[in-house]
Structure formats: C-alpha cells, structure tokens
Amino acid sequence: MRLAVDVRCLQDKYWTGVASYTWNNIKHFARYNDVEQVFYSNSHKGNQLPKTLSTYGKVVQRHFPNKLQDLAWRLNMWPTLDKLIGRA
C-alpha cells in the first residue's frame, strides 16, 4: 500500500497537536513492510523538516507559497497530491 502524507505541518518551529499526530502516524506506519510512505512538503521560505523523516519514506519537496497552494486546493484549481509527488 502506498501512503502519501502532507507533512507541511512538521515544518513549524513549534509543533501543534496536528504535527504531533502526523509524526506519530508516520512512525506507526513505518513498522509495516507493505506500506510505502511518500511525504509531500512545500515551502517557499525553505523551512526545515525533521532530519529523520527521510528514514521513514521518500520526501518530495516543492517551493510554492503555502497560502497560494491552500487557496488553489480549496478552489480545486491545483493539481492533486498524486500529481505533485509525481507518483513517486
């Protein structure tokens, strides 16, 4: 099974509950051999992800402004997540 995860919440300096929940799910699914994880990150400013993230799966980074991407997704104008990660 392939699992695509939007990990933009992990780029913040201080994590919220959403970031902690996302991180715990990533670690949990890494235990299973039949799960392939692909992580999508987007940062126009170049914010950093946790260094150990790449040990859990493939990281795909894009460089668009997050506010523009969020608005475009809400208006269904942006490519879907599978197109953004390039079916990695």
C-alpha atoms as a PDB file:
ATOM      1  CA  MET A   1       0.000   0.000   0.000  1.00  0.00           C
ATOM      2  CA  ARG A   2       1.260   3.488  -0.840  1.00  0.00           C
ATOM      3  CA  LEU A   3       0.556   6.269   1.616  1.00  0.00           C
ATOM      4  CA  ALA A   4       1.023   9.953   0.677  1.00  0.00           C
ATOM      5  CA  VAL A   5       1.296  12.319   3.631  1.00  0.00           C
ATOM      6  CA  ASP A   6       1.208  16.121   3.585  1.00  0.00           C
ATOM      7  CA  VAL A   7       3.923  16.949   6.122  1.00  0.00           C
ATOM      8  CA  ARG A   8       3.878  20.741   5.861  1.00  0.00           C
ATOM      9  CA  CYS A   9       2.746  20.894   9.494  1.00  0.00           C
ATOM     10  CA  LEU A  10       6.107  19.396  10.548  1.00  0.00           C
ATOM     11  CA  GLN A  11       7.996  22.423   9.188  1.00  0.00           C
ATOM     12  CA  ASP A  12       6.898  24.713  12.010  1.00  0.00           C
ATOM     13  CA  LYS A  13       9.357  25.518  14.775  1.00  0.00           C
ATOM     14  CA  TYR A  14       6.812  24.590  17.459  1.00  0.00           C
ATOM     15  CA  TRP A  15       4.557  21.630  16.766  1.00  0.00           C
ATOM     16  CA  THR A  16       0.831  21.666  17.388  1.00  0.00           C
ATOM     17  CA  GLY A  17      -1.377  18.667  18.042  1.00  0.00           C
ATOM     18  CA  VAL A  18      -1.764  18.102  14.295  1.00  0.00           C
ATOM     19  CA  ALA A  19       2.007  17.896  13.817  1.00  0.00           C
ATOM     20  CA  SER A  20       2.409  15.500  16.746  1.00  0.00           C
ATOM     21  CA  TYR A  21      -0.424  13.325  15.429  1.00  0.00           C
ATOM     22  CA  THR A  22       1.117  13.306  11.932  1.00  0.00           C
ATOM     23  CA  TRP A  23       4.570  12.395  13.281  1.00  0.00           C
ATOM     24  CA  ASN A  24       3.179   9.559  15.409  1.00  0.00           C
ATOM     25  CA  ASN A  25       1.250   8.157  12.422  1.00  0.00           C
ATOM     26  CA  ILE A  26       4.398   8.268  10.270  1.00  0.00           C
ATOM     27  CA  LYS A  27       6.337   6.294  12.878  1.00  0.00           C
ATOM     28  CA  HIS A  28       3.462   3.840  13.316  1.00  0.00           C
ATOM     29  CA  PHE A  29       3.048   3.072   9.595  1.00  0.00           C
ATOM     30  CA  ALA A  30       6.819   2.663   9.192  1.00  0.00           C
ATOM     31  CA  ARG A  31       6.549  -0.570  11.188  1.00  0.00           C
ATOM     32  CA  TYR A  32       4.708  -2.285   8.334  1.00  0.00           C
ATOM     33  CA  ASN A  33       6.706  -3.711   5.435  1.00  0.00           C
ATOM     34  CA  ASP A  34       3.827  -3.458   2.965  1.00  0.00           C
ATOM     35  CA  VAL A  35       3.348   0.323   3.477  1.00  0.00           C
ATOM     36  CA  GLU A  36       5.359   2.701   1.298  1.00  0.00           C
ATOM     37  CA  GLN A  37       5.243   6.268   2.603  1.00  0.00           C
ATOM     38  CA  VAL A  38       5.759   9.335   0.406  1.00  0.00           C
ATOM     39  CA  PHE A  39       5.905  12.703   2.155  1.00  0.00           C
ATOM     40  CA  TYR A  40       4.878  15.930   0.473  1.00  0.00           C
ATOM     41  CA  SER A  41       6.429  19.138   1.692  1.00  0.00           C
ATOM     42  CA  ASN A  42       6.060  22.630   0.339  1.00  0.00           C
ATOM     43  CA  SER A  43       7.967  25.660   1.460  1.00  0.00           C
ATOM     44  CA  HIS A  44       8.573  28.889  -0.362  1.00  0.00           C
ATOM     45  CA  LYS A  45      10.754  30.069   2.542  1.00  0.00           C
ATOM     46  CA  GLY A  46      12.797  26.873   2.819  1.00  0.00           C
ATOM     47  CA  ASN A  47      11.623  25.765   6.280  1.00  0.00           C
ATOM     48  CA  GLN A  48      13.219  22.564   7.511  1.00  0.00           C
ATOM     49  CA  LEU A  49      11.629  19.184   8.092  1.00  0.00           C
ATOM     50  CA  PRO A  50      12.811  16.757  10.788  1.00  0.00           C
ATOM     51  CA  LYS A  51      16.113  15.207   9.703  1.00  0.00           C
ATOM     52  CA  THR A  52      14.920  11.672  10.452  1.00  0.00           C
ATOM     53  CA  LEU A  53      11.865  11.963   8.194  1.00  0.00           C
ATOM     54  CA  SER A  54      13.696  10.558   5.172  1.00  0.00           C
ATOM     55  CA  THR A  55      14.346   7.306   7.057  1.00  0.00           C
ATOM     56  CA  TYR A  56      10.592   6.620   7.044  1.00  0.00           C
ATOM     57  CA  GLY A  57       9.992   7.175   3.326  1.00  0.00           C
ATOM     58  CA  LYS A  58      10.599   9.351   0.287  1.00  0.00           C
ATOM     59  CA  VAL A  59      10.366  13.127   0.737  1.00  0.00           C
ATOM     60  CA  VAL A  60       9.123  15.249  -2.182  1.00  0.00           C
ATOM     61  CA  GLN A  61       9.601  18.993  -1.736  1.00  0.00           C
ATOM     62  CA  ARG A  62       8.105  21.788  -3.809  1.00  0.00           C
ATOM     63  CA  HIS A  63       8.621  25.524  -3.460  1.00  0.00           C
ATOM     64  CA  PHE A  64       5.264  27.283  -3.747  1.00  0.00           C
ATOM     65  CA  PRO A  65       3.786  29.742  -1.243  1.00  0.00           C
ATOM     66  CA  ASN A  66       1.617  27.666   1.132  1.00  0.00           C
ATOM     67  CA  LYS A  67      -1.194  30.222   1.196  1.00  0.00           C
ATOM     68  CA  LEU A  68      -1.449  30.095  -2.588  1.00  0.00           C
ATOM     69  CA  GLN A  69      -1.477  26.311  -2.573  1.00  0.00           C
ATOM     70  CA  ASP A  70      -4.135  26.121   0.154  1.00  0.00           C
ATOM     71  CA  LEU A  71      -6.388  28.559  -1.706  1.00  0.00           C
ATOM     72  CA  ALA A  72      -5.941  26.732  -5.008  1.00  0.00           C
ATOM     73  CA  TRP A  73      -6.767  23.371  -3.368  1.00  0.00           C
ATOM     74  CA  ARG A  74      -9.920  24.824  -1.849  1.00  0.00           C
ATOM     75  CA  LEU A  75     -10.967  26.107  -5.269  1.00  0.00           C
ATOM     76  CA  ASN A  76      -9.993  22.809  -6.955  1.00  0.00           C
ATOM     77  CA  MET A  77      -7.532  24.656  -9.182  1.00  0.00           C
ATOM     78  CA  TRP A  78      -4.326  22.947  -8.029  1.00  0.00           C
ATOM     79  CA  PRO A  79      -3.030  19.556  -9.133  1.00  0.00           C
ATOM     80  CA  THR A  80      -3.897  16.690  -6.865  1.00  0.00           C
ATOM     81  CA  LEU A  81      -1.383  15.363  -4.367  1.00  0.00           C
ATOM     82  CA  ASP A  82      -0.504  12.353  -6.519  1.00  0.00           C
ATOM     83  CA  LYS A  83       0.436  14.685  -9.383  1.00  0.00           C
ATOM     84  CA  LEU A  84       2.510  16.908  -7.070  1.00  0.00           C
ATOM     85  CA  ILE A  85       4.520  13.975  -5.780  1.00  0.00           C
ATOM     86  CA  GLY A  86       4.874  12.625  -9.299  1.00  0.00           C
ATOM     87  CA  ARG A  87       3.604   9.190  -8.321  1.00  0.00           C
ATOM     88  CA  ALA A  88       6.968   8.733  -6.653  1.00  0.00           C
END
